[in-house]
């Protein structure tokens, strides 16, 4: 443990030295503020680093991560990040990125109790319930798993669109688009699920808020 801890401290020093060698004002410029065009809502999985996947530099992506990249309307952490990104940073894109092989999605397909995370997994199970007919019709478990990952991302994009934060931005004429991707751990490539929303016209009337 101590060897690993020392290693990451040393890695930080090397990283700083490398950045300064490329640009002596790198950290000076970063400290002046941020103006990212993108909010990334992704999974906490350590194999899915937001910046690296899309080749983005520090300062280009505002990031929120949780188990299975969920948009839960009672999650004040997620809502606070979303509100700051949309209303203060004025991001133009919000991207929900799931990944194949997601442990949270896998857990939601079964009934084993894991611990306190069971309460979080329940939100994922709700997604399965909404898509049960389609998912149960897939006999191959691996294919059903992959499809569940995809439909979960799509549901989270629509849940983003239902928030008062996003709908208020649209009402005020703010340029804001929502997107859904799935990342392939075994390939490095992302799949664009082609769920792109730029207004509440794609939502059922019951979700369209009046301000």
N, C-alpha and C. Protein backbone atom coordinates (compact mmCIF):
# COMPACT_ATOMS: atom_id res chain seq x y z
N UNK A 1 0.83 -1.20 0.00
CA UNK A 1 0.00 0.00 0.00
C UNK A 1 0.87 1.26 0.00
N UNK A 2 1.92 1.26 0.84
CA UNK A 2 2.80 2.42 0.91
C UNK A 2 3.53 2.63 -0.42
N UNK A 3 3.92 1.51 -1.07
CA UNK A 3 4.60 1.62 -2.37
C UNK A 3 3.68 2.26 -3.40
N UNK A 4 2.41 1.86 -3.41
CA UNK A 4 1.46 2.44 -4.35
C UNK A 4 1.24 3.92 -4.06
N UNK A 5 1.12 4.24 -2.77
CA UNK A 5 0.89 5.64 -2.39
C UNK A 5 2.07 6.51 -2.80
N UNK A 6 3.27 6.03 -2.58
CA UNK A 6 4.45 6.79 -3.00
C UNK A 6 4.51 6.92 -4.52
N UNK A 7 4.09 5.86 -5.20
CA UNK A 7 4.10 5.86 -6.66
C UNK A 7 3.20 6.95 -7.23
N UNK A 8 1.99 7.10 -6.66
CA UNK A 8 1.08 8.10 -7.22
C UNK A 8 1.54 9.52 -6.90
N UNK A 9 2.22 9.71 -5.77
CA UNK A 9 2.80 11.01 -5.47
C UNK A 9 3.91 11.34 -6.47
N UNK A 10 4.74 10.34 -6.75
CA UNK A 10 5.82 10.52 -7.73
C UNK A 10 5.25 10.77 -9.12
N UNK A 11 4.16 10.07 -9.45
CA UNK A 11 3.53 10.25 -10.75
C UNK A 11 3.02 11.68 -10.93
N UNK A 12 2.50 12.26 -9.83
CA UNK A 12 2.03 13.64 -9.90
C UNK A 12 3.18 14.59 -10.22
N UNK A 13 4.30 14.38 -9.59
CA UNK A 13 5.46 15.25 -9.83
C UNK A 13 5.91 15.15 -11.29
N UNK A 14 5.94 13.92 -11.80
CA UNK A 14 6.36 13.70 -13.19
C UNK A 14 5.37 14.34 -14.16
N UNK A 15 4.08 14.24 -13.83
CA UNK A 15 3.05 14.81 -14.68
C UNK A 15 3.19 16.33 -14.75
N UNK A 16 3.40 16.95 -13.59
CA UNK A 16 3.59 18.40 -13.55
C UNK A 16 4.80 18.80 -14.39
N UNK A 17 5.88 18.08 -14.24
CA UNK A 17 7.11 18.39 -14.98
C UNK A 17 6.88 18.25 -16.49
N UNK A 18 6.16 17.21 -16.88
CA UNK A 18 5.90 16.99 -18.30
C UNK A 18 5.01 18.10 -18.88
N UNK A 19 3.99 18.52 -18.12
CA UNK A 19 3.11 19.58 -18.60
C UNK A 19 3.86 20.90 -18.74
N UNK A 20 4.71 21.20 -17.77
CA UNK A 20 5.46 22.45 -17.81
C UNK A 20 6.48 22.45 -18.93
N UNK A 21 6.98 21.25 -19.25
CA UNK A 21 7.95 21.16 -20.35
C UNK A 21 7.28 21.47 -21.68
N UNK A 22 6.00 21.12 -21.78
CA UNK A 22 5.25 21.39 -23.01
C UNK A 22 4.73 22.83 -23.05
N UNK A 23 4.35 23.33 -21.88
CA UNK A 23 3.78 24.68 -21.80
C UNK A 23 4.04 25.24 -20.41
N UNK A 24 4.93 26.19 -20.31
CA UNK A 24 5.30 26.72 -18.99
C UNK A 24 4.16 27.45 -18.30
N UNK A 25 3.14 27.86 -19.06
CA UNK A 25 2.00 28.57 -18.48
C UNK A 25 0.77 27.68 -18.30
N UNK A 26 0.96 26.36 -18.43
CA UNK A 26 -0.16 25.42 -18.39
C UNK A 26 -1.03 25.61 -17.15
N UNK A 27 -0.44 25.56 -15.98
CA UNK A 27 -1.22 25.65 -14.75
C UNK A 27 -1.66 27.08 -14.46
N UNK A 28 -0.87 28.02 -14.87
CA UNK A 28 -1.24 29.42 -14.71
C UNK A 28 -2.51 29.73 -15.49
N UNK A 29 -2.57 29.22 -16.71
CA UNK A 29 -3.76 29.44 -17.54
C UNK A 29 -4.97 28.69 -16.99
N UNK A 30 -4.76 27.45 -16.51
CA UNK A 30 -5.87 26.66 -15.95
C UNK A 30 -6.47 27.35 -14.72
N UNK A 31 -5.64 27.97 -13.92
CA UNK A 31 -6.10 28.56 -12.67
C UNK A 31 -6.99 29.79 -12.88
N UNK A 32 -7.03 30.31 -14.10
CA UNK A 32 -7.82 31.51 -14.38
C UNK A 32 -9.32 31.22 -14.46
N UNK A 33 -9.69 29.95 -14.61
CA UNK A 33 -11.11 29.61 -14.68
C UNK A 33 -11.36 28.51 -15.69
N UNK A 34 -12.61 28.08 -15.77
CA UNK A 34 -12.97 27.02 -16.70
C UNK A 34 -14.15 27.44 -17.57
N UNK A 35 -14.14 26.93 -18.78
CA UNK A 35 -15.23 27.22 -19.71
C UNK A 35 -15.49 25.98 -20.57
N UNK A 36 -15.82 24.85 -19.92
CA UNK A 36 -16.02 23.60 -20.67
C UNK A 36 -17.31 23.63 -21.48
N UNK A 37 -17.29 23.10 -22.69
CA UNK A 37 -18.52 23.04 -23.50
C UNK A 37 -19.38 21.81 -23.19
N UNK A 38 -18.84 20.89 -22.36
CA UNK A 38 -19.48 19.59 -22.17
C UNK A 38 -19.58 19.19 -20.70
N UNK A 39 -20.76 18.71 -20.31
CA UNK A 39 -20.93 18.01 -19.04
C UNK A 39 -21.02 16.53 -19.35
N UNK A 40 -20.17 15.74 -18.73
CA UNK A 40 -20.12 14.29 -18.91
C UNK A 40 -20.74 13.63 -17.69
N UNK A 41 -21.78 12.85 -17.88
CA UNK A 41 -22.35 12.05 -16.80
C UNK A 41 -22.03 10.59 -17.10
N UNK A 42 -21.11 10.04 -16.33
CA UNK A 42 -20.63 8.70 -16.64
C UNK A 42 -20.66 7.78 -15.43
N UNK A 43 -20.20 6.57 -15.64
CA UNK A 43 -20.13 5.57 -14.58
C UNK A 43 -18.86 5.78 -13.77
N UNK A 44 -18.91 5.40 -12.50
CA UNK A 44 -17.75 5.52 -11.62
C UNK A 44 -16.65 4.51 -11.94
N UNK A 45 -16.94 3.57 -12.81
CA UNK A 45 -15.97 2.52 -13.16
C UNK A 45 -14.61 3.11 -13.50
N UNK A 46 -13.56 2.59 -12.89
CA UNK A 46 -12.21 3.13 -13.06
C UNK A 46 -11.66 2.95 -14.47
N UNK A 47 -12.32 2.14 -15.27
CA UNK A 47 -11.84 1.87 -16.64
C UNK A 47 -12.43 2.83 -17.67
N UNK A 48 -13.23 3.81 -17.19
CA UNK A 48 -13.91 4.71 -18.13
C UNK A 48 -13.56 6.17 -17.80
N UNK A 49 -12.34 6.59 -18.13
CA UNK A 49 -11.93 7.98 -17.84
C UNK A 49 -12.45 8.95 -18.89
N UNK A 50 -13.28 9.89 -18.46
CA UNK A 50 -13.98 10.78 -19.39
C UNK A 50 -13.04 11.52 -20.33
N UNK A 51 -12.06 12.23 -19.79
CA UNK A 51 -11.18 13.05 -20.63
C UNK A 51 -10.42 12.23 -21.65
N UNK A 52 -9.86 11.10 -21.21
CA UNK A 52 -9.00 10.31 -22.08
C UNK A 52 -9.77 9.71 -23.25
N UNK A 53 -11.00 9.26 -22.99
CA UNK A 53 -11.79 8.61 -24.03
C UNK A 53 -12.00 9.52 -25.23
N UNK A 54 -12.23 10.80 -24.96
CA UNK A 54 -12.52 11.74 -26.06
C UNK A 54 -11.34 12.65 -26.37
N UNK A 55 -10.19 12.36 -25.79
CA UNK A 55 -9.00 13.15 -26.09
C UNK A 55 -9.12 14.60 -25.65
N UNK A 56 -9.82 14.84 -24.54
CA UNK A 56 -10.03 16.20 -24.06
C UNK A 56 -8.95 16.60 -23.06
N UNK A 57 -8.63 17.88 -23.03
CA UNK A 57 -7.64 18.41 -22.11
C UNK A 57 -8.32 18.85 -20.81
N UNK A 58 -7.54 19.03 -19.74
CA UNK A 58 -8.12 19.59 -18.52
C UNK A 58 -8.79 20.93 -18.82
N UNK A 59 -9.99 21.11 -18.28
CA UNK A 59 -10.72 22.35 -18.53
C UNK A 59 -11.75 22.24 -19.63
N UNK A 60 -11.78 21.11 -20.34
CA UNK A 60 -12.70 20.96 -21.46
C UNK A 60 -13.93 20.11 -21.14
N UNK A 61 -13.91 19.40 -20.01
CA UNK A 61 -15.04 18.54 -19.66
C UNK A 61 -15.37 18.69 -18.17
N UNK A 62 -16.62 19.03 -17.88
CA UNK A 62 -17.12 19.03 -16.51
C UNK A 62 -17.69 17.65 -16.27
N UNK A 63 -17.36 17.00 -15.15
CA UNK A 63 -17.64 15.58 -15.00
C UNK A 63 -18.45 15.26 -13.74
N UNK A 64 -19.45 14.41 -13.92
CA UNK A 64 -20.16 13.80 -12.80
C UNK A 64 -20.21 12.30 -13.05
N UNK A 65 -19.87 11.51 -12.03
CA UNK A 65 -19.89 10.06 -12.19
C UNK A 65 -20.57 9.40 -11.01
N UNK A 66 -21.32 8.35 -11.29
CA UNK A 66 -21.91 7.53 -10.24
C UNK A 66 -22.10 6.11 -10.77
N UNK A 67 -22.55 5.21 -9.93
CA UNK A 67 -22.74 3.83 -10.35
C UNK A 67 -23.79 3.76 -11.46
N UNK A 68 -23.36 3.29 -12.63
CA UNK A 68 -24.24 3.06 -13.79
C UNK A 68 -24.78 4.35 -14.40
N UNK A 69 -24.03 5.47 -14.23
CA UNK A 69 -24.36 6.74 -14.92
C UNK A 69 -25.84 7.09 -14.85
N UNK A 70 -26.36 7.15 -13.63
CA UNK A 70 -27.79 7.37 -13.42
C UNK A 70 -28.12 8.85 -13.25
N UNK A 71 -29.32 9.22 -13.73
CA UNK A 71 -29.88 10.55 -13.52
C UNK A 71 -31.11 10.34 -12.63
N UNK A 72 -30.89 10.47 -11.33
CA UNK A 72 -31.96 10.24 -10.35
C UNK A 72 -32.46 11.59 -9.86
N UNK A 73 -33.74 11.84 -9.99
CA UNK A 73 -34.28 13.17 -9.75
C UNK A 73 -34.22 13.63 -8.30
N UNK A 74 -33.95 12.71 -7.38
CA UNK A 74 -33.79 13.08 -5.97
C UNK A 74 -32.33 13.16 -5.56
N UNK A 75 -31.42 12.98 -6.51
CA UNK A 75 -29.98 12.99 -6.23
C UNK A 75 -29.47 14.43 -6.27
N UNK A 76 -29.31 15.05 -5.11
CA UNK A 76 -28.90 16.44 -5.05
C UNK A 76 -27.48 16.64 -5.56
N UNK A 77 -26.66 15.63 -5.46
CA UNK A 77 -25.30 15.72 -6.00
C UNK A 77 -25.35 15.93 -7.51
N UNK A 78 -26.07 15.03 -8.19
CA UNK A 78 -26.20 15.14 -9.64
C UNK A 78 -26.87 16.44 -10.05
N UNK A 79 -27.96 16.80 -9.34
CA UNK A 79 -28.69 18.02 -9.68
C UNK A 79 -27.84 19.26 -9.49
N UNK A 80 -27.01 19.27 -8.45
CA UNK A 80 -26.13 20.42 -8.20
C UNK A 80 -25.10 20.56 -9.31
N UNK A 81 -24.53 19.44 -9.74
CA UNK A 81 -23.57 19.46 -10.84
C UNK A 81 -24.25 19.93 -12.12
N UNK A 82 -25.43 19.39 -12.39
CA UNK A 82 -26.16 19.77 -13.60
C UNK A 82 -26.52 21.25 -13.59
N UNK A 83 -27.00 21.73 -12.45
CA UNK A 83 -27.39 23.14 -12.35
C UNK A 83 -26.19 24.06 -12.57
N UNK A 84 -25.07 23.73 -11.97
CA UNK A 84 -23.87 24.56 -12.13
C UNK A 84 -23.38 24.53 -13.58
N UNK A 85 -23.40 23.33 -14.16
CA UNK A 85 -22.92 23.19 -15.54
C UNK A 85 -23.79 23.97 -16.52
N UNK A 86 -25.11 23.89 -16.34
CA UNK A 86 -26.03 24.52 -17.28
C UNK A 86 -26.16 26.02 -17.03
N UNK A 87 -26.33 26.40 -15.79
CA UNK A 87 -26.66 27.79 -15.48
C UNK A 87 -25.47 28.70 -15.19
N UNK A 88 -24.35 28.13 -14.80
CA UNK A 88 -23.16 28.94 -14.54
C UNK A 88 -22.13 28.78 -15.65
N UNK A 89 -21.77 27.55 -15.93
CA UNK A 89 -20.77 27.30 -16.97
C UNK A 89 -21.34 27.41 -18.38
N UNK A 90 -22.65 27.30 -18.50
CA UNK A 90 -23.34 27.41 -19.79
C UNK A 90 -22.83 26.37 -20.80
N UNK A 91 -22.71 25.12 -20.36
CA UNK A 91 -22.29 24.07 -21.28
C UNK A 91 -23.32 23.96 -22.40
N UNK A 92 -22.87 23.53 -23.55
CA UNK A 92 -23.76 23.39 -24.70
C UNK A 92 -24.20 21.94 -24.92
N UNK A 93 -23.49 21.02 -24.28
CA UNK A 93 -23.80 19.61 -24.44
C UNK A 93 -23.74 18.89 -23.10
N UNK A 94 -24.70 17.98 -22.88
CA UNK A 94 -24.65 17.07 -21.74
C UNK A 94 -24.67 15.66 -22.30
N UNK A 95 -23.67 14.89 -21.94
CA UNK A 95 -23.50 13.54 -22.50
C UNK A 95 -23.59 12.50 -21.40
N UNK A 96 -24.54 11.57 -21.55
CA UNK A 96 -24.60 10.41 -20.66
C UNK A 96 -23.84 9.28 -21.35
N UNK A 97 -22.80 8.80 -20.69
CA UNK A 97 -21.99 7.73 -21.29
C UNK A 97 -21.97 6.51 -20.38
N UNK A 98 -22.63 5.45 -20.83
CA UNK A 98 -22.56 4.18 -20.13
C UNK A 98 -21.45 3.33 -20.72
N UNK A 99 -21.33 2.10 -20.27
CA UNK A 99 -20.31 1.22 -20.86
C UNK A 99 -20.76 -0.24 -20.77
N UNK A 100 -20.42 -0.99 -21.79
CA UNK A 100 -20.71 -2.41 -21.80
C UNK A 100 -19.91 -3.09 -20.67
N UNK A 101 -20.51 -4.08 -20.05
CA UNK A 101 -19.87 -4.75 -18.94
C UNK A 101 -20.04 -4.03 -17.61
N UNK A 102 -21.00 -3.12 -17.53
CA UNK A 102 -21.21 -2.32 -16.32
C UNK A 102 -21.69 -3.19 -15.15
N UNK A 103 -20.97 -3.13 -14.04
CA UNK A 103 -21.32 -3.94 -12.88
C UNK A 103 -22.66 -3.58 -12.27
N UNK A 104 -22.99 -2.28 -12.28
CA UNK A 104 -24.27 -1.86 -11.74
C UNK A 104 -25.44 -2.41 -12.54
N UNK A 105 -25.30 -2.39 -13.86
CA UNK A 105 -26.34 -2.94 -14.74
C UNK A 105 -26.45 -4.45 -14.52
N UNK A 106 -25.31 -5.11 -14.41
CA UNK A 106 -25.30 -6.56 -14.19
C UNK A 106 -26.01 -6.91 -12.89
N UNK A 107 -25.72 -6.14 -11.84
CA UNK A 107 -26.34 -6.40 -10.55
C UNK A 107 -27.86 -6.23 -10.62
N UNK A 108 -28.31 -5.26 -11.43
CA UNK A 108 -29.75 -5.00 -11.55
C UNK A 108 -30.47 -6.12 -12.29
N UNK A 109 -29.71 -6.97 -12.99
CA UNK A 109 -30.31 -8.10 -13.70
C UNK A 109 -30.55 -9.28 -12.77
N UNK A 110 -29.95 -9.22 -11.57
CA UNK A 110 -30.10 -10.32 -10.62
C UNK A 110 -30.80 -9.88 -9.36
N UNK A 111 -30.76 -10.74 -8.36
CA UNK A 111 -31.47 -10.46 -7.10
C UNK A 111 -30.58 -10.59 -5.87
N UNK A 112 -29.28 -10.72 -6.07
CA UNK A 112 -28.37 -10.84 -4.94
C UNK A 112 -28.26 -9.51 -4.20
N UNK A 113 -28.28 -9.55 -2.88
CA UNK A 113 -28.10 -8.36 -2.07
C UNK A 113 -26.60 -8.07 -1.96
N UNK A 114 -26.23 -6.83 -2.23
CA UNK A 114 -24.82 -6.45 -2.18
C UNK A 114 -24.53 -5.61 -0.94
N UNK A 115 -25.51 -4.85 -0.51
CA UNK A 115 -25.32 -3.96 0.63
C UNK A 115 -26.14 -2.70 0.42
N UNK A 116 -25.63 -1.58 0.92
CA UNK A 116 -26.37 -0.33 0.81
C UNK A 116 -26.62 0.07 -0.64
N UNK A 117 -25.75 -0.42 -1.53
CA UNK A 117 -25.92 -0.10 -2.96
C UNK A 117 -27.21 -0.69 -3.53
N UNK A 118 -27.82 -1.65 -2.82
CA UNK A 118 -29.10 -2.22 -3.27
C UNK A 118 -30.12 -1.11 -3.51
N UNK A 119 -30.07 -0.06 -2.69
CA UNK A 119 -31.03 1.04 -2.81
C UNK A 119 -30.81 1.84 -4.09
N UNK A 120 -29.55 1.90 -4.54
CA UNK A 120 -29.23 2.59 -5.79
C UNK A 120 -29.58 1.72 -6.97
N UNK A 121 -29.28 0.43 -6.85
CA UNK A 121 -29.56 -0.54 -7.91
C UNK A 121 -31.05 -0.57 -8.23
N UNK A 122 -31.89 -0.28 -7.24
CA UNK A 122 -33.34 -0.31 -7.47
C UNK A 122 -33.75 0.64 -8.58
N UNK A 123 -33.07 1.80 -8.69
CA UNK A 123 -33.39 2.73 -9.76
C UNK A 123 -33.08 2.11 -11.13
N UNK A 124 -32.03 1.31 -11.19
CA UNK A 124 -31.67 0.64 -12.44
C UNK A 124 -32.70 -0.44 -12.76
N UNK A 125 -33.16 -1.13 -11.72
CA UNK A 125 -34.19 -2.15 -11.91
C UNK A 125 -35.47 -1.54 -12.47
N UNK A 126 -35.77 -0.30 -12.08
CA UNK A 126 -36.95 0.37 -12.63
C UNK A 126 -36.84 0.51 -14.14
N UNK A 127 -35.64 0.76 -14.64
CA UNK A 127 -35.42 0.85 -16.09
C UNK A 127 -35.72 -0.51 -16.74
N UNK A 128 -35.24 -1.58 -16.10
CA UNK A 128 -35.51 -2.92 -16.64
C UNK A 128 -37.02 -3.17 -16.71
N UNK A 129 -37.71 -2.77 -15.65
CA UNK A 129 -39.16 -2.99 -15.61
C UNK A 129 -39.86 -2.29 -16.78
N UNK A 130 -39.42 -1.08 -17.10
CA UNK A 130 -40.04 -0.33 -18.20
C UNK A 130 -39.76 -0.98 -19.55
N UNK A 131 -38.67 -1.74 -19.64
CA UNK A 131 -38.28 -2.36 -20.93
C UNK A 131 -38.30 -3.89 -20.85
N UNK A 132 -39.04 -4.41 -19.89
CA UNK A 132 -39.02 -5.85 -19.65
C UNK A 132 -39.39 -6.67 -20.88
N UNK A 133 -40.40 -6.25 -21.61
CA UNK A 133 -40.85 -7.02 -22.76
C UNK A 133 -39.73 -7.19 -23.78
N UNK A 134 -39.05 -6.09 -24.11
CA UNK A 134 -37.95 -6.15 -25.07
C UNK A 134 -36.79 -6.97 -24.53
N UNK A 135 -36.41 -6.72 -23.29
CA UNK A 135 -35.23 -7.37 -22.73
C UNK A 135 -35.45 -8.85 -22.49
N UNK A 136 -36.61 -9.23 -21.97
CA UNK A 136 -36.89 -10.64 -21.72
C UNK A 136 -37.00 -11.45 -23.01
N UNK A 137 -37.24 -10.77 -24.13
CA UNK A 137 -37.33 -11.46 -25.41
C UNK A 137 -35.95 -11.83 -25.97
N UNK A 138 -34.88 -11.32 -25.36
CA UNK A 138 -33.52 -11.61 -25.81
C UNK A 138 -33.01 -12.82 -25.03
N UNK A 139 -32.90 -13.96 -25.70
CA UNK A 139 -32.52 -15.21 -25.02
C UNK A 139 -31.06 -15.20 -24.58
N UNK A 140 -30.19 -14.68 -25.42
CA UNK A 140 -28.77 -14.67 -25.10
C UNK A 140 -28.49 -13.66 -23.98
N UNK A 141 -27.96 -14.14 -22.86
CA UNK A 141 -27.78 -13.28 -21.69
C UNK A 141 -26.81 -12.13 -21.95
N UNK A 142 -25.73 -12.41 -22.68
CA UNK A 142 -24.75 -11.37 -22.98
C UNK A 142 -25.36 -10.27 -23.83
N UNK A 143 -26.17 -10.67 -24.81
CA UNK A 143 -26.83 -9.69 -25.66
C UNK A 143 -27.87 -8.90 -24.88
N UNK A 144 -28.57 -9.58 -23.98
CA UNK A 144 -29.56 -8.89 -23.15
C UNK A 144 -28.87 -7.90 -22.22
N UNK A 145 -27.73 -8.28 -21.68
CA UNK A 145 -26.91 -7.41 -20.83
C UNK A 145 -26.52 -6.15 -21.60
N UNK A 146 -25.99 -6.34 -22.81
CA UNK A 146 -25.57 -5.19 -23.63
C UNK A 146 -26.74 -4.28 -23.96
N UNK A 147 -27.89 -4.87 -24.26
CA UNK A 147 -29.05 -4.06 -24.61
C UNK A 147 -29.56 -3.29 -23.39
N UNK A 148 -29.48 -3.92 -22.23
CA UNK A 148 -29.90 -3.24 -21.00
C UNK A 148 -29.02 -2.01 -20.75
N UNK A 149 -27.72 -2.14 -21.00
CA UNK A 149 -26.80 -1.00 -20.88
C UNK A 149 -27.28 0.14 -21.78
N UNK A 150 -27.65 -0.21 -23.01
CA UNK A 150 -28.06 0.80 -23.99
C UNK A 150 -29.38 1.48 -23.60
N UNK A 151 -30.38 0.69 -23.22
CA UNK A 151 -31.67 1.31 -22.89
C UNK A 151 -31.57 2.12 -21.61
N UNK A 152 -30.67 1.73 -20.72
CA UNK A 152 -30.48 2.51 -19.50
C UNK A 152 -29.94 3.89 -19.84
N UNK A 153 -28.96 3.96 -20.74
CA UNK A 153 -28.42 5.26 -21.14
C UNK A 153 -29.52 6.12 -21.75
N UNK A 154 -30.30 5.53 -22.64
CA UNK A 154 -31.38 6.29 -23.28
C UNK A 154 -32.36 6.85 -22.25
N UNK A 155 -32.71 6.04 -21.26
CA UNK A 155 -33.64 6.49 -20.22
C UNK A 155 -33.05 7.65 -19.42
N UNK A 156 -31.74 7.60 -19.17
CA UNK A 156 -31.10 8.66 -18.40
C UNK A 156 -31.07 9.97 -19.20
N UNK A 157 -30.92 9.88 -20.51
CA UNK A 157 -30.96 11.08 -21.35
C UNK A 157 -32.35 11.71 -21.27
N UNK A 158 -33.38 10.89 -21.36
CA UNK A 158 -34.75 11.42 -21.25
C UNK A 158 -35.02 11.96 -19.84
N UNK A 159 -34.44 11.32 -18.83
CA UNK A 159 -34.62 11.84 -17.47
C UNK A 159 -33.93 13.19 -17.30
N UNK A 160 -32.82 13.40 -17.98
CA UNK A 160 -32.18 14.71 -17.99
C UNK A 160 -33.12 15.76 -18.58
N UNK A 161 -33.75 15.40 -19.70
CA UNK A 161 -34.64 16.33 -20.38
C UNK A 161 -35.84 16.69 -19.53
N UNK A 162 -36.22 15.82 -18.60
CA UNK A 162 -37.39 16.06 -17.75
C UNK A 162 -37.08 17.00 -16.59
N UNK A 163 -35.81 17.26 -16.31
CA UNK A 163 -35.47 18.10 -15.16
C UNK A 163 -35.86 19.55 -15.41
N UNK A 164 -36.22 20.24 -14.35
CA UNK A 164 -36.57 21.67 -14.46
C UNK A 164 -35.35 22.48 -14.89
N UNK A 165 -34.15 22.01 -14.56
CA UNK A 165 -32.92 22.70 -14.92
C UNK A 165 -32.77 22.78 -16.43
N UNK A 166 -32.90 21.64 -17.08
CA UNK A 166 -32.74 21.58 -18.54
C UNK A 166 -33.90 22.28 -19.23
N UNK A 167 -35.13 22.03 -18.77
CA UNK A 167 -36.28 22.64 -19.43
C UNK A 167 -36.29 24.15 -19.28
N UNK A 168 -35.83 24.65 -18.15
CA UNK A 168 -35.74 26.10 -17.95
C UNK A 168 -34.73 26.71 -18.92
N UNK A 169 -33.61 26.01 -19.13
CA UNK A 169 -32.60 26.50 -20.07
C UNK A 169 -33.18 26.58 -21.48
N UNK A 170 -33.92 25.56 -21.88
CA UNK A 170 -34.55 25.58 -23.20
C UNK A 170 -35.57 26.71 -23.30
N UNK A 171 -36.33 26.89 -22.24
CA UNK A 171 -37.35 27.94 -22.23
C UNK A 171 -36.71 29.31 -22.42
N UNK A 172 -35.50 29.48 -21.88
CA UNK A 172 -34.80 30.76 -21.98
C UNK A 172 -34.00 30.90 -23.27
N UNK A 173 -34.14 29.92 -24.16
CA UNK A 173 -33.46 29.98 -25.45
C UNK A 173 -32.01 29.58 -25.40
N UNK A 174 -31.60 28.93 -24.33
CA UNK A 174 -30.20 28.52 -24.20
C UNK A 174 -29.92 27.33 -25.11
N UNK A 175 -28.77 27.36 -25.78
CA UNK A 175 -28.35 26.26 -26.65
C UNK A 175 -27.87 25.11 -25.78
N UNK A 176 -28.61 24.01 -25.78
CA UNK A 176 -28.27 22.87 -24.93
C UNK A 176 -28.78 21.59 -25.57
N UNK A 177 -27.88 20.65 -25.79
CA UNK A 177 -28.24 19.38 -26.41
C UNK A 177 -27.82 18.22 -25.50
N UNK A 178 -28.66 17.21 -25.46
CA UNK A 178 -28.41 16.02 -24.64
C UNK A 178 -28.11 14.83 -25.56
N UNK A 179 -27.17 13.99 -25.15
CA UNK A 179 -26.74 12.88 -25.99
C UNK A 179 -26.52 11.62 -25.15
N UNK A 180 -26.54 10.45 -25.80
CA UNK A 180 -26.28 9.18 -25.13
C UNK A 180 -25.28 8.33 -25.88
N UNK A 181 -24.27 7.86 -25.17
CA UNK A 181 -23.22 7.00 -25.74
C UNK A 181 -23.06 5.76 -24.87
N UNK A 182 -22.46 4.73 -25.48
CA UNK A 182 -21.98 3.58 -24.72
C UNK A 182 -20.53 3.32 -25.12
N UNK A 183 -19.69 3.15 -24.13
CA UNK A 183 -18.26 2.91 -24.34
C UNK A 183 -17.96 1.42 -24.31
N UNK A 184 -17.12 0.97 -25.25
CA UNK A 184 -16.73 -0.43 -25.29
C UNK A 184 -15.41 -0.65 -24.58
N UNK A 185 -15.44 -1.34 -23.45
CA UNK A 185 -14.21 -1.59 -22.70
C UNK A 185 -13.20 -2.41 -23.50
N UNK A 186 -13.70 -3.30 -24.35
CA UNK A 186 -12.80 -4.18 -25.09
C UNK A 186 -12.33 -3.62 -26.42
N UNK A 187 -12.77 -2.40 -26.75
CA UNK A 187 -12.37 -1.81 -28.03
C UNK A 187 -11.87 -0.37 -27.88
N UNK A 188 -12.41 0.34 -26.88
CA UNK A 188 -12.05 1.74 -26.72
C UNK A 188 -12.96 2.68 -27.49
N UNK A 189 -13.78 2.12 -28.38
CA UNK A 189 -14.66 2.96 -29.19
C UNK A 189 -16.00 3.21 -28.48
N UNK A 190 -16.63 4.34 -28.81
CA UNK A 190 -17.96 4.63 -28.28
C UNK A 190 -18.99 4.36 -29.37
N UNK A 191 -20.19 4.00 -28.93
CA UNK A 191 -21.33 3.84 -29.81
C UNK A 191 -22.30 4.98 -29.53
N UNK A 192 -22.58 5.76 -30.56
CA UNK A 192 -23.56 6.84 -30.45
C UNK A 192 -24.94 6.22 -30.56
N UNK A 193 -25.72 6.28 -29.50
CA UNK A 193 -27.05 5.66 -29.50
C UNK A 193 -28.08 6.49 -30.26
N UNK A 194 -27.63 7.63 -30.79
CA UNK A 194 -28.48 8.50 -31.60
C UNK A 194 -29.74 8.93 -30.86
N UNK A 195 -29.59 9.16 -29.56
CA UNK A 195 -30.66 9.77 -28.78
C UNK A 195 -30.17 11.18 -28.46
N UNK A 196 -30.58 12.11 -29.28
CA UNK A 196 -30.11 13.50 -29.19
C UNK A 196 -31.32 14.40 -29.00
N UNK A 197 -31.36 15.12 -27.90
CA UNK A 197 -32.52 15.94 -27.56
C UNK A 197 -32.09 17.39 -27.36
N UNK A 198 -32.76 18.30 -28.05
CA UNK A 198 -32.41 19.72 -27.94
C UNK A 198 -33.60 20.58 -27.53
N UNK A 199 -34.75 19.95 -27.26
CA UNK A 199 -35.92 20.67 -26.77
C UNK A 199 -36.84 19.67 -26.10
N UNK A 200 -37.86 20.15 -25.40
CA UNK A 200 -38.76 19.22 -24.71
C UNK A 200 -39.86 18.68 -25.62
N UNK A 201 -39.75 18.95 -26.91
CA UNK A 201 -40.74 18.44 -27.87
C UNK A 201 -40.74 16.93 -27.96
N UNK A 202 -39.59 16.31 -27.56
CA UNK A 202 -39.49 14.86 -27.62
C UNK A 202 -40.03 14.18 -26.37
N UNK A 203 -40.55 14.97 -25.43
CA UNK A 203 -41.08 14.42 -24.20
C UNK A 203 -42.60 14.35 -24.24
N UNK A 204 -43.16 13.40 -23.50
CA UNK A 204 -44.61 13.36 -23.34
C UNK A 204 -45.07 14.66 -22.70
N UNK A 205 -46.27 15.08 -23.04
CA UNK A 205 -46.80 16.36 -22.56
C UNK A 205 -46.78 16.48 -21.05
N UNK A 206 -46.95 15.36 -20.34
CA UNK A 206 -47.01 15.37 -18.89
C UNK A 206 -45.71 15.87 -18.27
N UNK A 207 -44.60 15.73 -19.03
CA UNK A 207 -43.29 16.14 -18.51
C UNK A 207 -42.91 17.55 -18.91
N UNK A 208 -43.66 18.16 -19.79
CA UNK A 208 -43.30 19.48 -20.29
C UNK A 208 -43.75 20.56 -19.30
N UNK A 209 -42.76 21.20 -18.68
CA UNK A 209 -43.06 22.17 -17.64
C UNK A 209 -43.40 23.54 -18.23
N UNK A 210 -44.26 24.25 -17.55
CA UNK A 210 -44.61 25.61 -17.93
C UNK A 210 -44.01 26.58 -16.91
N UNK A 211 -43.28 27.56 -17.39
CA UNK A 211 -42.60 28.50 -16.50
C UNK A 211 -43.27 29.87 -16.55
